[in-house]
C-alpha atoms as a PDB file:
ATOM      1  CA  MET A   1      -3.132 -26.027 -88.141  1.00  0.00           C
ATOM      2  CA  ARG A   2      -0.860 -23.063 -89.085  1.00  0.00           C
ATOM      3  CA  TRP A   3      -3.687 -21.395 -91.163  1.00  0.00           C
ATOM      4  CA  LEU A   4      -6.010 -21.790 -88.103  1.00  0.00           C
ATOM      5  CA  TRP A   5      -3.629 -19.771 -85.851  1.00  0.00           C
ATOM      6  CA  LEU A   6      -3.106 -17.226 -88.453  1.00  0.00           C
ATOM      7  CA  PHE A   7      -6.817 -16.650 -89.002  1.00  0.00           C
ATOM      8  CA  LEU A   8      -7.348 -16.344 -85.237  1.00  0.00           C
ATOM      9  CA  LEU A   9      -4.474 -13.850 -85.012  1.00  0.00           C
ATOM     10  CA  VAL A  10      -6.059 -11.860 -87.877  1.00  0.00           C
ATOM     11  CA  ILE A  11      -9.536 -12.006 -86.118  1.00  0.00           C
ATOM     12  CA  PHE A  12      -7.941 -10.671 -82.947  1.00  0.00           C
ATOM     13  CA  VAL A  13      -5.932  -7.819 -84.391  1.00  0.00           C
ATOM     14  CA  MET A  14      -8.970  -6.682 -86.233  1.00  0.00           C
ATOM     15  CA  PHE A  15     -10.946  -6.897 -82.932  1.00  0.00           C
ATOM     16  CA  GLY A  16      -8.436  -4.839 -81.136  1.00  0.00           C
ATOM     17  CA  ILE A  17      -8.330  -2.170 -83.965  1.00  0.00           C
ATOM     18  CA  VAL A  18     -12.282  -2.010 -83.641  1.00  0.00           C
ATOM     19  CA  VAL A  19     -12.103  -1.661 -79.963  1.00  0.00           C
ATOM     20  CA  ALA A  20      -9.394   1.083 -80.075  1.00  0.00           C
ATOM     21  CA  ALA A  21     -11.454   3.007 -82.764  1.00  0.00           C
ATOM     22  CA  LEU A  22     -14.709   2.795 -80.709  1.00  0.00           C
ATOM     23  CA  ASN A  23     -12.879   4.007 -77.560  1.00  0.00           C
ATOM     24  CA  PRO A  24     -10.882   7.163 -78.579  1.00  0.00           C
ATOM     25  CA  GLY A  25     -10.691   8.669 -75.126  1.00  0.00           C
ATOM     26  CA  THR A  26      -7.921   8.489 -72.624  1.00  0.00           C
ATOM     27  CA  VAL A  27      -7.687   7.112 -69.057  1.00  0.00           C
ATOM     28  CA  HIS A  28      -5.731   9.027 -66.394  1.00  0.00           C
ATOM     29  CA  TYR A  29      -3.582   6.806 -64.058  1.00  0.00           C
ATOM     30  CA  ASP A  30      -2.389   8.203 -60.824  1.00  0.00           C
ATOM     31  CA  LEU A  31       0.331   5.623 -59.588  1.00  0.00           C
ATOM     32  CA  ALA A  32       2.439   6.080 -56.483  1.00  0.00           C
ATOM     33  CA  PHE A  33       5.072   8.387 -58.128  1.00  0.00           C
ATOM     34  CA  VAL A  34       3.784   8.616 -61.658  1.00  0.00           C
ATOM     35  CA  GLU A  35       0.707  10.355 -63.374  1.00  0.00           C
ATOM     36  CA  MET A  36      -0.152   9.669 -66.986  1.00  0.00           C
ATOM     37  CA  ASN A  37      -2.865   9.623 -69.538  1.00  0.00           C
ATOM     38  CA  VAL A  38      -3.020   6.577 -71.738  1.00  0.00           C
ATOM     39  CA  ALA A  39      -5.328   5.783 -74.472  1.00  0.00           C
ATOM     40  CA  LYS A  40      -8.058   3.215 -73.616  1.00  0.00           C
ATOM     41  CA  GLY A  41      -7.088   0.846 -76.435  1.00  0.00           C
ATOM     42  CA  THR A  42      -3.473   0.906 -75.155  1.00  0.00           C
ATOM     43  CA  ALA A  43      -4.392   0.327 -71.443  1.00  0.00           C
ATOM     44  CA  LEU A  44      -6.601  -2.506 -72.512  1.00  0.00           C
ATOM     45  CA  LEU A  45      -3.718  -4.044 -74.627  1.00  0.00           C
ATOM     46  CA  VAL A  46      -1.127  -3.529 -71.950  1.00  0.00           C
ATOM     47  CA  ALA A  47      -3.654  -5.188 -69.344  1.00  0.00           C
ATOM     48  CA  LEU A  48      -4.226  -8.122 -71.665  1.00  0.00           C
ATOM     49  CA  ILE A  49      -0.369  -8.687 -72.328  1.00  0.00           C
ATOM     50  CA  LEU A  50       0.404  -8.467 -68.658  1.00  0.00           C
ATOM     51  CA  GLY A  51      -2.483 -10.914 -67.882  1.00  0.00           C
ATOM     52  CA  TRP A  52      -1.214 -13.398 -70.524  1.00  0.00           C
ATOM     53  CA  LEU A  53       2.415 -13.039 -69.237  1.00  0.00           C
ATOM     54  CA  LEU A  54       1.556 -13.642 -65.583  1.00  0.00           C
ATOM     55  CA  GLY A  55      -0.812 -16.498 -66.267  1.00  0.00           C
ATOM     56  CA  GLY A  56       1.982 -18.160 -68.376  1.00  0.00           C
ATOM     57  CA  LEU A  57       4.545 -17.498 -65.537  1.00  0.00           C
ATOM     58  CA  THR A  58       1.923 -18.979 -63.208  1.00  0.00           C
ATOM     59  CA  ALA A  59       1.432 -22.109 -65.318  1.00  0.00           C
ATOM     60  CA  TRP A  60       5.176 -22.557 -65.868  1.00  0.00           C
ATOM     61  CA  ILE A  61       6.022 -22.449 -62.153  1.00  0.00           C
ATOM     62  CA  GLY A  62       3.147 -24.782 -61.360  1.00  0.00           C
ATOM     63  CA  GLY A  63       4.092 -27.199 -63.900  1.00  0.00           C
ATOM     64  CA  GLY A  64       7.661 -26.973 -62.596  1.00  0.00           C
ATOM     65  CA  ILE A  65       6.457 -27.836 -59.078  1.00  0.00           C
ATOM     66  CA  SER A  66       4.352 -30.904 -60.503  1.00  0.00           C
ATOM     67  CA  ARG A  67       7.420 -32.133 -62.567  1.00  0.00           C
ATOM     68  CA  GLY A  68       9.463 -31.925 -59.554  1.00  0.00           C
ATOM     69  CA  LYS A  69       7.051 -33.931 -57.314  1.00  0.00           C
ATOM     70  CA  LEU A  70       6.822 -36.491 -60.052  1.00  0.00           C
ATOM     71  CA  LYS A  71      10.590 -36.718 -60.443  1.00  0.00           C
ATOM     72  CA  ARG A  72      10.925 -37.259 -56.873  1.00  0.00           C
ATOM     73  CA  GLY A  73       8.417 -39.971 -56.800  1.00  0.00           C
ATOM     74  CA  THR A  74       9.849 -41.837 -59.616  1.00  0.00           C
ATOM     75  CA  ALA A  75      13.384 -41.514 -58.123  1.00  0.00           C
ATOM     76  CA  ARG A  76      12.022 -42.996 -54.726  1.00  0.00           C
ATOM     77  CA  LYS A  77      10.240 -45.747 -56.641  1.00  0.00           C
ATOM     78  CA  ASP A  78      13.520 -46.609 -58.545  1.00  0.00           C
ATOM     79  CA  GLU A  79      15.541 -46.541 -55.260  1.00  0.00           C
ATOM     80  CA  ALA A  80      13.094 -48.954 -53.728  1.00  0.00           C
ATOM     81  CA  GLU A  81      13.216 -51.229 -56.628  1.00  0.00           C
ATOM     82  CA  ALA A  82      17.026 -51.269 -56.526  1.00  0.00           C
ATOM     83  CA  ARG A  83      16.950 -52.188 -52.799  1.00  0.00           C
ATOM     84  CA  ALA A  84      14.391 -55.108 -53.538  1.00  0.00           C
ATOM     85  CA  ASP A  85      16.637 -56.407 -56.356  1.00  0.00           C
ATOM     86  CA  ASP A  86      19.669 -56.440 -53.870  1.00  0.00           C
ATOM     87  CA  THR A  87      17.908 -58.459 -51.235  1.00  0.00           C
END
């Protein structure tokens, strides 16, 4: 399994190098207080990394909410069972 991940990593790194080589120009960004020229490959890489991080954060938060609901549900079930055992 480790070899598969290594192979995929190498493939994507090579793909990134090819994309960067085929797009040598720059992109001009005019943000609120900053203007900058960035290489197209760098801009694409930064966008992909930010998307990956924000997607992971969203999944982590969503999973935490689901785990919390599940935990509350099992706690209520355990409490109901304890009451049933007392009677």
